[in-house]
All heavy atoms as atom14 arrays in JSON, in Angstrom:
{
  "sequence": "DVAYALCDDRRTLLWFANQRAVEYHPTLVRADDWAHTTHLVLDL",
  "atom14_mask": [
    [1, 1, 1, 1, 1, 1, 1, 1, 0, 0, 0, 0, 0, 0],
    [1, 1, 1, 1, 1, 1, 1, 0, 0, 0, 0, 0, 0, 0],
    [1, 1, 1, 1, 1, 0, 0, 0, 0, 0, 0, 0, 0, 0],
    [1, 1, 1, 1, 1, 1, 1, 1, 1, 1, 1, 1, 0, 0],
    [1, 1, 1, 1, 1, 0, 0, 0, 0, 0, 0, 0, 0, 0],
    [1, 1, 1, 1, 1, 1, 1, 1, 0, 0, 0, 0, 0, 0],
    [1, 1, 1, 1, 1, 1, 0, 0, 0, 0, 0, 0, 0, 0],
    [1, 1, 1, 1, 1, 1, 1, 1, 0, 0, 0, 0, 0, 0],
    [1, 1, 1, 1, 1, 1, 1, 1, 0, 0, 0, 0, 0, 0],
    [1, 1, 1, 1, 1, 1, 1, 1, 1, 1, 1, 0, 0, 0],
    [1, 1, 1, 1, 1, 1, 1, 1, 1, 1, 1, 0, 0, 0],
    [1, 1, 1, 1, 1, 1, 1, 0, 0, 0, 0, 0, 0, 0],
    [1, 1, 1, 1, 1, 1, 1, 1, 0, 0, 0, 0, 0, 0],
    [1, 1, 1, 1, 1, 1, 1, 1, 0, 0, 0, 0, 0, 0],
    [1, 1, 1, 1, 1, 1, 1, 1, 1, 1, 1, 1, 1, 1],
    [1, 1, 1, 1, 1, 1, 1, 1, 1, 1, 1, 0, 0, 0],
    [1, 1, 1, 1, 1, 0, 0, 0, 0, 0, 0, 0, 0, 0],
    [1, 1, 1, 1, 1, 1, 1, 1, 0, 0, 0, 0, 0, 0],
    [1, 1, 1, 1, 1, 1, 1, 1, 1, 0, 0, 0, 0, 0],
    [1, 1, 1, 1, 1, 1, 1, 1, 1, 1, 1, 0, 0, 0],
    [1, 1, 1, 1, 1, 0, 0, 0, 0, 0, 0, 0, 0, 0],
    [1, 1, 1, 1, 1, 1, 1, 0, 0, 0, 0, 0, 0, 0],
    [1, 1, 1, 1, 1, 1, 1, 1, 1, 0, 0, 0, 0, 0],
    [1, 1, 1, 1, 1, 1, 1, 1, 1, 1, 1, 1, 0, 0],
    [1, 1, 1, 1, 1, 1, 1, 1, 1, 1, 0, 0, 0, 0],
    [1, 1, 1, 1, 1, 1, 1, 0, 0, 0, 0, 0, 0, 0],
    [1, 1, 1, 1, 1, 1, 1, 0, 0, 0, 0, 0, 0, 0],
    [1, 1, 1, 1, 1, 1, 1, 1, 0, 0, 0, 0, 0, 0],
    [1, 1, 1, 1, 1, 1, 1, 0, 0, 0, 0, 0, 0, 0],
    [1, 1, 1, 1, 1, 1, 1, 1, 1, 1, 1, 0, 0, 0],
    [1, 1, 1, 1, 1, 0, 0, 0, 0, 0, 0, 0, 0, 0],
    [1, 1, 1, 1, 1, 1, 1, 1, 0, 0, 0, 0, 0, 0],
    [1, 1, 1, 1, 1, 1, 1, 1, 0, 0, 0, 0, 0, 0],
    [1, 1, 1, 1, 1, 1, 1, 1, 1, 1, 1, 1, 1, 1],
    [1, 1, 1, 1, 1, 0, 0, 0, 0, 0, 0, 0, 0, 0],
    [1, 1, 1, 1, 1, 1, 1, 1, 1, 1, 0, 0, 0, 0],
    [1, 1, 1, 1, 1, 1, 1, 0, 0, 0, 0, 0, 0, 0],
    [1, 1, 1, 1, 1, 1, 1, 0, 0, 0, 0, 0, 0, 0],
    [1, 1, 1, 1, 1, 1, 1, 1, 1, 1, 0, 0, 0, 0],
    [1, 1, 1, 1, 1, 1, 1, 1, 0, 0, 0, 0, 0, 0],
    [1, 1, 1, 1, 1, 1, 1, 0, 0, 0, 0, 0, 0, 0],
    [1, 1, 1, 1, 1, 1, 1, 1, 0, 0, 0, 0, 0, 0],
    [1, 1, 1, 1, 1, 1, 1, 1, 0, 0, 0, 0, 0, 0],
    [1, 1, 1, 1, 1, 1, 1, 1, 0, 0, 0, 0, 0, 0]
  ],
  "atom14_positions": [
    [[11.23, 83.4, 162.24], [11.05, 84.23, 161.06], [12.43, 84.4, 160.4], [13.39, 84.81, 161.06], [10.48, 85.59, 161.47], [10.2, 86.48, 160.27], [9.38, 86.04, 159.47], [10.78, 87.54, 160.17], [0.0, 0.0, 0.0], [0.0, 0.0, 0.0], [0.0, 0.0, 0.0], [0.0, 0.0, 0.0], [0.0, 0.0, 0.0], [0.0, 0.0, 0.0]],
    [[12.53, 84.06, 159.11], [13.78, 84.15, 158.39], [13.74, 85.31, 157.4], [12.78, 85.46, 156.64], [14.09, 82.84, 157.66], [15.35, 82.97, 156.83], [14.21, 81.66, 158.64], [0.0, 0.0, 0.0], [0.0, 0.0, 0.0], [0.0, 0.0, 0.0], [0.0, 0.0, 0.0], [0.0, 0.0, 0.0], [0.0, 0.0, 0.0], [0.0, 0.0, 0.0]],
    [[14.76, 86.14, 157.45], [14.86, 87.26, 156.53], [15.83, 86.84, 155.4], [17.05, 86.78, 155.58], [15.4, 88.48, 157.24], [0.0, 0.0, 0.0], [0.0, 0.0, 0.0], [0.0, 0.0, 0.0], [0.0, 0.0, 0.0], [0.0, 0.0, 0.0], [0.0, 0.0, 0.0], [0.0, 0.0, 0.0], [0.0, 0.0, 0.0], [0.0, 0.0, 0.0]],
    [[15.26, 86.52, 154.25], [16.08, 86.16, 153.08], [16.42, 87.41, 152.32], [15.62, 88.32, 152.17], [15.25, 85.21, 152.15], [15.03, 83.84, 152.66], [13.86, 83.55, 153.39], [15.92, 82.83, 152.39], [13.62, 82.26, 153.84], [15.68, 81.53, 152.85], [14.56, 81.25, 153.58], [14.3, 79.98, 154.03], [0.0, 0.0, 0.0], [0.0, 0.0, 0.0]],
    [[17.63, 87.37, 151.74], [18.07, 88.45, 150.87], [17.46, 88.25, 149.48], [17.17, 87.12, 149.08], [19.59, 88.5, 150.78], [0.0, 0.0, 0.0], [0.0, 0.0, 0.0], [0.0, 0.0, 0.0], [0.0, 0.0, 0.0], [0.0, 0.0, 0.0], [0.0, 0.0, 0.0], [0.0, 0.0, 0.0], [0.0, 0.0, 0.0], [0.0, 0.0, 0.0]],
    [[17.29, 89.34, 148.76], [16.95, 89.35, 147.35], [18.09, 89.99, 146.6], [18.38, 91.18, 146.79], [15.67, 90.1, 147.1], [14.38, 89.59, 147.81], [13.24, 90.51, 147.51], [14.06, 88.17, 147.38], [0.0, 0.0, 0.0], [0.0, 0.0, 0.0], [0.0, 0.0, 0.0], [0.0, 0.0, 0.0], [0.0, 0.0, 0.0], [0.0, 0.0, 0.0]],
    [[18.81, 89.22, 145.79], [19.97, 89.76, 145.08], [19.51, 90.28, 143.75], [19.53, 89.62, 142.71], [21.03, 88.67, 144.91], [22.59, 89.28, 144.26], [0.0, 0.0, 0.0], [0.0, 0.0, 0.0], [0.0, 0.0, 0.0], [0.0, 0.0, 0.0], [0.0, 0.0, 0.0], [0.0, 0.0, 0.0], [0.0, 0.0, 0.0], [0.0, 0.0, 0.0]],
    [[19.1, 91.55, 143.73], [18.46, 92.16, 142.59], [19.37, 93.09, 141.79], [18.95, 93.6, 140.76], [17.21, 92.94, 143.04], [16.11, 92.05, 143.54], [16.22, 90.83, 143.38], [15.16, 92.58, 144.13], [0.0, 0.0, 0.0], [0.0, 0.0, 0.0], [0.0, 0.0, 0.0], [0.0, 0.0, 0.0], [0.0, 0.0, 0.0], [0.0, 0.0, 0.0]],
    [[20.56, 93.33, 142.25], [21.42, 94.3, 141.59], [22.89, 94.02, 141.79], [23.26, 93.2, 142.63], [21.1, 95.7, 142.03], [21.06, 95.84, 143.56], [21.99, 95.35, 144.21], [20.16, 96.47, 144.09], [0.0, 0.0, 0.0], [0.0, 0.0, 0.0], [0.0, 0.0, 0.0], [0.0, 0.0, 0.0], [0.0, 0.0, 0.0], [0.0, 0.0, 0.0]],
    [[23.73, 94.72, 141.04], [25.18, 94.51, 141.13], [25.71, 94.81, 142.54], [26.56, 94.05, 143.03], [25.87, 95.43, 140.11], [27.38, 95.31, 140.12], [28.05, 96.42, 139.32], [29.45, 96.24, 139.24], [30.35, 97.24, 139.07], [29.91, 98.48, 138.98], [31.64, 97.0, 138.96], [0.0, 0.0, 0.0], [0.0, 0.0, 0.0], [0.0, 0.0, 0.0]],
    [[25.21, 95.88, 143.16], [25.7, 96.27, 144.45], [25.51, 95.14, 145.48], [26.44, 94.8, 146.24], [24.93, 97.53, 144.91], [25.53, 98.24, 146.11], [24.65, 99.42, 146.45], [25.24, 100.25, 147.47], [24.59, 101.28, 148.07], [23.32, 101.55, 147.74], [25.18, 101.99, 148.97], [0.0, 0.0, 0.0], [0.0, 0.0, 0.0], [0.0, 0.0, 0.0]],
    [[24.38, 94.51, 145.46], [24.08, 93.4, 146.41], [25.0, 92.2, 146.07], [25.52, 91.54, 146.96], [22.61, 93.0, 146.34], [21.82, 94.15, 146.64], [22.31, 91.87, 147.31], [0.0, 0.0, 0.0], [0.0, 0.0, 0.0], [0.0, 0.0, 0.0], [0.0, 0.0, 0.0], [0.0, 0.0, 0.0], [0.0, 0.0, 0.0], [0.0, 0.0, 0.0]],
    [[25.14, 91.9, 144.79], [25.99, 90.77, 144.4], [27.42, 91.0, 144.86], [28.07, 90.07, 145.39], [25.96, 90.61, 142.88], [26.72, 89.41, 142.32], [26.16, 88.1, 142.78], [26.74, 89.45, 140.78], [0.0, 0.0, 0.0], [0.0, 0.0, 0.0], [0.0, 0.0, 0.0], [0.0, 0.0, 0.0], [0.0, 0.0, 0.0], [0.0, 0.0, 0.0]],
    [[27.95, 92.21, 144.69], [29.3, 92.5, 145.12], [29.4, 92.45, 146.66], [30.44, 91.95, 147.17], [29.72, 93.93, 144.66], [29.99, 94.08, 143.17], [30.15, 95.53, 142.82], [31.23, 93.26, 142.77], [0.0, 0.0, 0.0], [0.0, 0.0, 0.0], [0.0, 0.0, 0.0], [0.0, 0.0, 0.0], [0.0, 0.0, 0.0], [0.0, 0.0, 0.0]],
    [[28.37, 92.85, 147.36], [28.39, 92.73, 148.81], [28.44, 91.27, 149.25], [29.26, 90.91, 150.13], [27.15, 93.41, 149.43], [27.15, 93.3, 150.9], [27.86, 94.09, 151.8], [26.41, 92.39, 151.68], [27.58, 93.67, 153.11], [26.71, 92.66, 153.05], [25.51, 91.37, 151.43], [26.15, 91.92, 154.13], [24.94, 90.63, 152.44], [25.23, 90.93, 153.78]],
    [[27.71, 90.42, 148.59], [27.74, 88.98, 148.92], [29.13, 88.43, 148.6], [29.7, 87.65, 149.38], [26.71, 88.23, 148.14], [25.4, 88.08, 148.85], [24.23, 88.63, 148.33], [25.33, 87.39, 150.07], [23.02, 88.51, 148.98], [24.09, 87.3, 150.75], [22.96, 87.84, 150.2], [0.0, 0.0, 0.0], [0.0, 0.0, 0.0], [0.0, 0.0, 0.0]],
    [[29.74, 88.79, 147.47], [31.04, 88.32, 147.13], [32.07, 88.72, 148.18], [32.9, 87.94, 148.59], [31.48, 88.86, 145.78], [0.0, 0.0, 0.0], [0.0, 0.0, 0.0], [0.0, 0.0, 0.0], [0.0, 0.0, 0.0], [0.0, 0.0, 0.0], [0.0, 0.0, 0.0], [0.0, 0.0, 0.0], [0.0, 0.0, 0.0], [0.0, 0.0, 0.0]],
    [[31.94, 89.97, 148.71], [32.89, 90.39, 149.72], [32.64, 89.65, 151.07], [33.56, 89.56, 151.88], [32.77, 91.9, 149.93], [33.9, 92.43, 150.78], [35.07, 92.32, 150.38], [33.61, 93.05, 151.92], [0.0, 0.0, 0.0], [0.0, 0.0, 0.0], [0.0, 0.0, 0.0], [0.0, 0.0, 0.0], [0.0, 0.0, 0.0], [0.0, 0.0, 0.0]],
    [[31.45, 89.15, 151.25], [31.14, 88.33, 152.42], [31.62, 86.9, 152.28], [31.27, 86.03, 153.09], [29.63, 88.35, 152.69], [29.06, 89.71, 153.05], [29.65, 90.27, 154.31], [29.64, 89.59, 155.35], [30.19, 91.48, 154.23], [0.0, 0.0, 0.0], [0.0, 0.0, 0.0], [0.0, 0.0, 0.0], [0.0, 0.0, 0.0], [0.0, 0.0, 0.0]],
    [[32.33, 86.62, 151.2], [32.82, 85.3, 150.86], [31.68, 84.29, 150.66], [31.74, 83.14, 151.05], [33.77, 84.76, 151.94], [34.97, 85.69, 152.18], [35.85, 85.22, 153.32], [36.58, 84.04, 152.96], [37.82, 83.99, 152.55], [38.5, 85.14, 152.42], [38.45, 82.9, 152.25], [0.0, 0.0, 0.0], [0.0, 0.0, 0.0], [0.0, 0.0, 0.0]],
    [[30.65, 84.8, 150.01], [29.52, 83.94, 149.56], [29.94, 83.33, 148.23], [30.03, 84.04, 147.21], [28.24, 84.72, 149.44], [0.0, 0.0, 0.0], [0.0, 0.0, 0.0], [0.0, 0.0, 0.0], [0.0, 0.0, 0.0], [0.0, 0.0, 0.0], [0.0, 0.0, 0.0], [0.0, 0.0, 0.0], [0.0, 0.0, 0.0], [0.0, 0.0, 0.0]],
    [[30.18, 82.06, 148.22], [30.68, 81.39, 147.01], [29.54, 80.79, 146.18], [29.5, 80.99, 144.94], [31.67, 80.25, 147.39], [32.16, 79.53, 146.12], [32.86, 80.8, 148.18], [0.0, 0.0, 0.0], [0.0, 0.0, 0.0], [0.0, 0.0, 0.0], [0.0, 0.0, 0.0], [0.0, 0.0, 0.0], [0.0, 0.0, 0.0], [0.0, 0.0, 0.0]],
    [[28.55, 80.19, 146.83], [27.47, 79.56, 146.09], [26.17, 80.32, 146.29], [25.86, 80.81, 147.4], [27.26, 78.1, 146.6], [28.49, 77.2, 146.37], [28.19, 75.72, 146.69], [27.01, 75.41, 146.94], [29.11, 74.94, 146.64], [0.0, 0.0, 0.0], [0.0, 0.0, 0.0], [0.0, 0.0, 0.0], [0.0, 0.0, 0.0], [0.0, 0.0, 0.0]],
    [[25.31, 80.29, 145.22], [24.06, 81.09, 145.21], [22.91, 80.14, 144.88], [22.82, 79.6, 143.8], [24.18, 82.23, 144.18], [25.27, 83.2, 144.6], [26.6, 82.9, 144.43], [24.91, 84.39, 145.25], [27.6, 83.76, 144.9], [25.88, 85.26, 145.71], [27.22, 84.98, 145.52], [28.19, 85.79, 146.01], [0.0, 0.0, 0.0], [0.0, 0.0, 0.0]],
    [[22.01, 79.99, 145.91], [20.94, 79.0, 145.84], [19.58, 79.72, 145.98], [19.06, 79.83, 147.09], [21.07, 77.97, 146.97], [22.31, 77.12, 146.86], [22.24, 75.77, 146.56], [23.6, 77.38, 147.02], [23.46, 75.27, 146.56], [24.34, 76.24, 146.84], [0.0, 0.0, 0.0], [0.0, 0.0, 0.0], [0.0, 0.0, 0.0], [0.0, 0.0, 0.0]],
    [[19.0, 80.18, 144.86], [17.68, 80.8, 144.95], [16.58, 79.76, 145.03], [16.78, 78.6, 144.67], [17.58, 81.58, 143.66], [18.41, 80.77, 142.68], [19.55, 80.2, 143.51], [0.0, 0.0, 0.0], [0.0, 0.0, 0.0], [0.0, 0.0, 0.0], [0.0, 0.0, 0.0], [0.0, 0.0, 0.0], [0.0, 0.0, 0.0], [0.0, 0.0, 0.0]],
    [[15.42, 80.17, 145.51], [14.27, 79.27, 145.56], [13.65, 79.14, 144.18], [13.91, 79.94, 143.26], [13.2, 79.8, 146.5], [12.77, 81.1, 146.04], [13.73, 79.95, 147.9], [0.0, 0.0, 0.0], [0.0, 0.0, 0.0], [0.0, 0.0, 0.0], [0.0, 0.0, 0.0], [0.0, 0.0, 0.0], [0.0, 0.0, 0.0], [0.0, 0.0, 0.0]],
    [[12.77, 78.13, 144.04], [12.02, 77.94, 142.77], [10.69, 78.67, 142.8], [9.84, 78.47, 141.96], [11.81, 76.44, 142.58], [13.08, 75.62, 142.37], [12.78, 74.14, 142.35], [13.84, 76.07, 141.11], [0.0, 0.0, 0.0], [0.0, 0.0, 0.0], [0.0, 0.0, 0.0], [0.0, 0.0, 0.0], [0.0, 0.0, 0.0], [0.0, 0.0, 0.0]],
    [[10.52, 79.51, 143.83], [9.34, 80.39, 143.92], [9.82, 81.83, 143.97], [10.96, 82.1, 144.33], [8.48, 80.06, 145.15], [7.95, 78.68, 145.11], [9.28, 80.25, 146.45], [0.0, 0.0, 0.0], [0.0, 0.0, 0.0], [0.0, 0.0, 0.0], [0.0, 0.0, 0.0], [0.0, 0.0, 0.0], [0.0, 0.0, 0.0], [0.0, 0.0, 0.0]],
    [[8.94, 82.74, 143.63], [9.27, 84.16, 143.7], [8.83, 84.71, 145.07], [7.9, 84.21, 145.68], [8.6, 84.93, 142.57], [9.02, 84.46, 141.19], [8.45, 85.37, 140.08], [8.72, 84.86, 138.77], [9.88, 84.95, 138.13], [10.9, 85.64, 138.73], [10.1, 84.46, 136.94], [0.0, 0.0, 0.0], [0.0, 0.0, 0.0], [0.0, 0.0, 0.0]],
    [[9.49, 85.79, 145.48], [9.2, 86.34, 146.76], [7.76, 86.88, 146.88], [7.2, 86.9, 147.97], [10.19, 87.51, 147.05], [0.0, 0.0, 0.0], [0.0, 0.0, 0.0], [0.0, 0.0, 0.0], [0.0, 0.0, 0.0], [0.0, 0.0, 0.0], [0.0, 0.0, 0.0], [0.0, 0.0, 0.0], [0.0, 0.0, 0.0], [0.0, 0.0, 0.0]],
    [[7.2, 87.25, 145.75], [5.83, 87.8, 145.77], [4.76, 86.72, 145.56], [3.59, 87.01, 145.43], [5.63, 88.92, 144.76], [5.99, 88.45, 143.34], [6.33, 87.25, 143.14], [5.88, 89.28, 142.39], [0.0, 0.0, 0.0], [0.0, 0.0, 0.0], [0.0, 0.0, 0.0], [0.0, 0.0, 0.0], [0.0, 0.0, 0.0], [0.0, 0.0, 0.0]],
    [[5.18, 85.44, 145.48], [4.24, 84.37, 145.28], [4.82, 83.05, 145.79], [5.33, 82.26, 144.99], [3.87, 84.26, 143.77], [2.77, 83.22, 143.55], [2.26, 82.63, 144.49], [2.41, 83.01, 142.36], [0.0, 0.0, 0.0], [0.0, 0.0, 0.0], [0.0, 0.0, 0.0], [0.0, 0.0, 0.0], [0.0, 0.0, 0.0], [0.0, 0.0, 0.0]],
    [[4.71, 82.84, 147.11], [5.31, 81.65, 147.7], [4.6, 80.37, 147.33], [5.13, 79.29, 147.49], [5.31, 81.84, 149.2], [6.26, 82.82, 149.76], [6.01, 84.15, 150.03], [7.66, 82.62, 150.07], [7.15, 84.78, 150.48], [8.14, 83.86, 150.52], [8.49, 81.55, 149.99], [9.48, 84.01, 150.89], [9.81, 81.67, 150.36], [10.3, 82.92, 150.83]],
    [[3.36, 80.45, 146.87], [2.57, 79.25, 146.67], [2.76, 78.56, 145.35], [2.31, 77.43, 145.16], [1.07, 79.6, 146.88], [0.0, 0.0, 0.0], [0.0, 0.0, 0.0], [0.0, 0.0, 0.0], [0.0, 0.0, 0.0], [0.0, 0.0, 0.0], [0.0, 0.0, 0.0], [0.0, 0.0, 0.0], [0.0, 0.0, 0.0], [0.0, 0.0, 0.0]],
    [[3.39, 79.28, 144.4], [3.5, 78.76, 143.07], [4.97, 78.63, 142.61], [5.75, 79.52, 142.8], [2.74, 79.62, 142.06], [1.26, 79.63, 142.32], [0.64, 80.5, 143.19], [0.27, 78.86, 141.77], [-0.65, 80.23, 143.18], [-0.89, 79.27, 142.34], [0.0, 0.0, 0.0], [0.0, 0.0, 0.0], [0.0, 0.0, 0.0], [0.0, 0.0, 0.0]],
    [[5.31, 77.48, 142.02], [6.63, 77.2, 141.53], [6.74, 77.59, 140.06], [5.84, 77.47, 139.29], [6.94, 75.67, 141.7], [6.72, 75.35, 143.05], [8.35, 75.35, 141.34], [0.0, 0.0, 0.0], [0.0, 0.0, 0.0], [0.0, 0.0, 0.0], [0.0, 0.0, 0.0], [0.0, 0.0, 0.0], [0.0, 0.0, 0.0], [0.0, 0.0, 0.0]],
    [[7.97, 78.03, 139.66], [8.18, 78.53, 138.33], [8.99, 77.61, 137.44], [9.09, 77.79, 136.23], [8.92, 79.91, 138.36], [10.2, 79.72, 138.99], [8.11, 80.91, 139.1], [0.0, 0.0, 0.0], [0.0, 0.0, 0.0], [0.0, 0.0, 0.0], [0.0, 0.0, 0.0], [0.0, 0.0, 0.0], [0.0, 0.0, 0.0], [0.0, 0.0, 0.0]],
    [[9.6, 76.56, 138.08], [10.38, 75.62, 137.25], [10.22, 74.2, 137.84], [10.18, 74.05, 139.08], [11.9, 75.96, 137.28], [12.21, 77.2, 136.52], [12.06, 78.47, 137.07], [12.7, 77.43, 135.29], [12.44, 79.38, 136.23], [12.86, 78.79, 135.11], [0.0, 0.0, 0.0], [0.0, 0.0, 0.0], [0.0, 0.0, 0.0], [0.0, 0.0, 0.0]],
    [[10.16, 73.26, 136.98], [10.24, 71.83, 137.31], [11.7, 71.43, 137.12], [12.25, 71.72, 136.07], [9.3, 71.05, 136.44], [9.06, 69.55, 136.65], [7.7, 69.15, 136.06], [10.17, 68.75, 135.98], [0.0, 0.0, 0.0], [0.0, 0.0, 0.0], [0.0, 0.0, 0.0], [0.0, 0.0, 0.0], [0.0, 0.0, 0.0], [0.0, 0.0, 0.0]],
    [[12.29, 70.82, 138.13], [13.73, 70.56, 138.11], [14.02, 69.06, 138.36], [13.5, 68.51, 139.32], [14.49, 71.41, 139.14], [15.96, 71.06, 139.17], [14.29, 72.87, 138.86], [0.0, 0.0, 0.0], [0.0, 0.0, 0.0], [0.0, 0.0, 0.0], [0.0, 0.0, 0.0], [0.0, 0.0, 0.0], [0.0, 0.0, 0.0], [0.0, 0.0, 0.0]],
    [[14.85, 68.49, 137.52], [15.42, 67.15, 137.74], [16.9, 67.28, 137.98], [17.61, 67.88, 137.16], [15.16, 66.25, 136.54], [13.74, 65.65, 136.33], [13.26, 64.9, 137.57], [12.74, 66.67, 135.9], [0.0, 0.0, 0.0], [0.0, 0.0, 0.0], [0.0, 0.0, 0.0], [0.0, 0.0, 0.0], [0.0, 0.0, 0.0], [0.0, 0.0, 0.0]],
    [[17.34, 66.74, 139.09], [18.75, 66.76, 139.47], [19.33, 65.38, 139.25], [18.87, 64.42, 139.83], [18.87, 67.17, 140.96], [20.28, 67.27, 141.44], [21.22, 67.11, 140.65], [20.47, 67.52, 142.65], [0.0, 0.0, 0.0], [0.0, 0.0, 0.0], [0.0, 0.0, 0.0], [0.0, 0.0, 0.0], [0.0, 0.0, 0.0], [0.0, 0.0, 0.0]],
    [[20.33, 65.27, 138.37], [20.9, 63.97, 138.02], [22.25, 63.83, 138.7], [23.19, 64.56, 138.45], [21.04, 63.86, 136.49], [19.83, 64.19, 135.67], [20.1, 63.98, 134.2], [18.64, 63.35, 136.11], [0.0, 0.0, 0.0], [0.0, 0.0, 0.0], [0.0, 0.0, 0.0], [0.0, 0.0, 0.0], [0.0, 0.0, 0.0], [0.0, 0.0, 0.0]]
  ]
}
């Protein structure tokens, strides 16, 4: 079981920055709907 963070506010973002989190990689699904994707993405 993986506990993912949700970076929903400034306080959380600052906490991540202080943890030396440099890159931010969110999923293409929302936490309240794992079955549906919100963006089609092409990586070149």
